[in-house]
Amino acid sequence: MPSSVTTKKRCCKSGPRCKKCPVVWKRLENEGLAVRKDKREWKPTDGKIPKRAMKAARAR
């Protein structure tokens, strides 16, 4: 994962959700794995998001 991720403006509602979806990063923030830097920019807290956590956040 890069040091920060810029999300898309809105969710495209595909399944599973894409990795740049704002809904995915909001879910990761709720789990404590990401911190919001700006309106559309997020930063992983420990540098790398675990694969299981990303898969769970992307699930519909």
Protein backbone atom coordinates (compact mmCIF):
# COMPACT_ATOMS: atom_id res chain seq x y z
CA MET A 1 0.00 0.00 0.00
CA PRO A 2 1.21 3.51 -0.71
CA SER A 3 1.77 5.99 2.12
CA SER A 4 -1.60 7.61 1.35
CA VAL A 5 -4.57 6.77 -0.86
CA THR A 6 -6.82 9.22 -2.69
CA THR A 7 -10.29 7.75 -3.03
CA LYS A 8 -12.75 8.21 -5.88
CA LYS A 9 -15.46 10.85 -5.58
CA ARG A 10 -18.27 8.32 -5.23
CA CYS A 11 -18.81 4.60 -4.94
CA CYS A 12 -19.47 2.78 -8.24
CA LYS A 13 -21.40 0.05 -6.34
CA SER A 14 -19.55 -2.84 -7.96
CA GLY A 15 -19.13 -6.08 -6.05
CA PRO A 16 -16.66 -6.51 -4.48
CA ARG A 17 -16.00 -2.82 -3.95
CA CYS A 18 -12.79 -1.50 -5.53
CA LYS A 19 -9.74 -0.63 -3.45
CA LYS A 20 -10.14 3.12 -4.04
CA CYS A 21 -13.77 3.20 -2.95
CA PRO A 22 -14.52 5.75 -0.20
CA VAL A 23 -16.80 3.23 1.54
CA VAL A 24 -13.91 0.75 1.88
CA TRP A 25 -11.65 3.35 3.48
CA LYS A 26 -14.41 4.53 5.84
CA ARG A 27 -14.83 0.93 7.00
CA LEU A 28 -11.07 0.60 7.49
CA GLU A 29 -11.13 3.82 9.54
CA ASN A 30 -13.89 2.40 11.74
CA GLU A 31 -11.69 -0.68 12.34
CA GLY A 32 -8.78 1.59 13.33
CA LEU A 33 -6.64 0.63 10.31
CA ALA A 34 -6.73 3.98 8.50
CA VAL A 35 -6.72 7.68 9.35
CA ARG A 36 -8.36 10.38 7.27
CA LYS A 37 -5.92 13.10 6.17
CA ASP A 38 -8.24 15.12 3.94
CA LYS A 39 -11.74 14.84 2.50
CA ARG A 40 -10.68 12.19 -0.03
CA GLU A 41 -7.24 11.20 1.26
CA TRP A 42 -6.58 8.36 3.73
CA LYS A 43 -3.44 6.99 5.34
CA PRO A 44 -3.01 3.43 6.68
CA THR A 45 -2.13 3.57 10.39
CA ASP A 46 0.67 0.98 10.50
CA GLY A 47 1.81 1.28 6.89
CA LYS A 48 0.12 -1.85 5.54
CA ILE A 49 -3.50 -3.03 5.61
CA PRO A 50 -3.86 -6.77 6.36
CA LYS A 51 -5.28 -8.76 3.44
CA ARG A 52 -8.17 -10.17 5.51
CA ALA A 53 -9.18 -6.69 6.68
CA MET A 54 -9.15 -5.32 3.13
CA LYS A 55 -11.20 -8.29 1.90
CA ALA A 56 -13.76 -7.79 4.69
CA ALA A 57 -14.01 -4.04 3.98
CA ARG A 58 -14.55 -4.68 0.25
CA ALA A 59 -17.34 -7.22 0.80
CA ARG A 60 -20.87 -6.22 -0.17
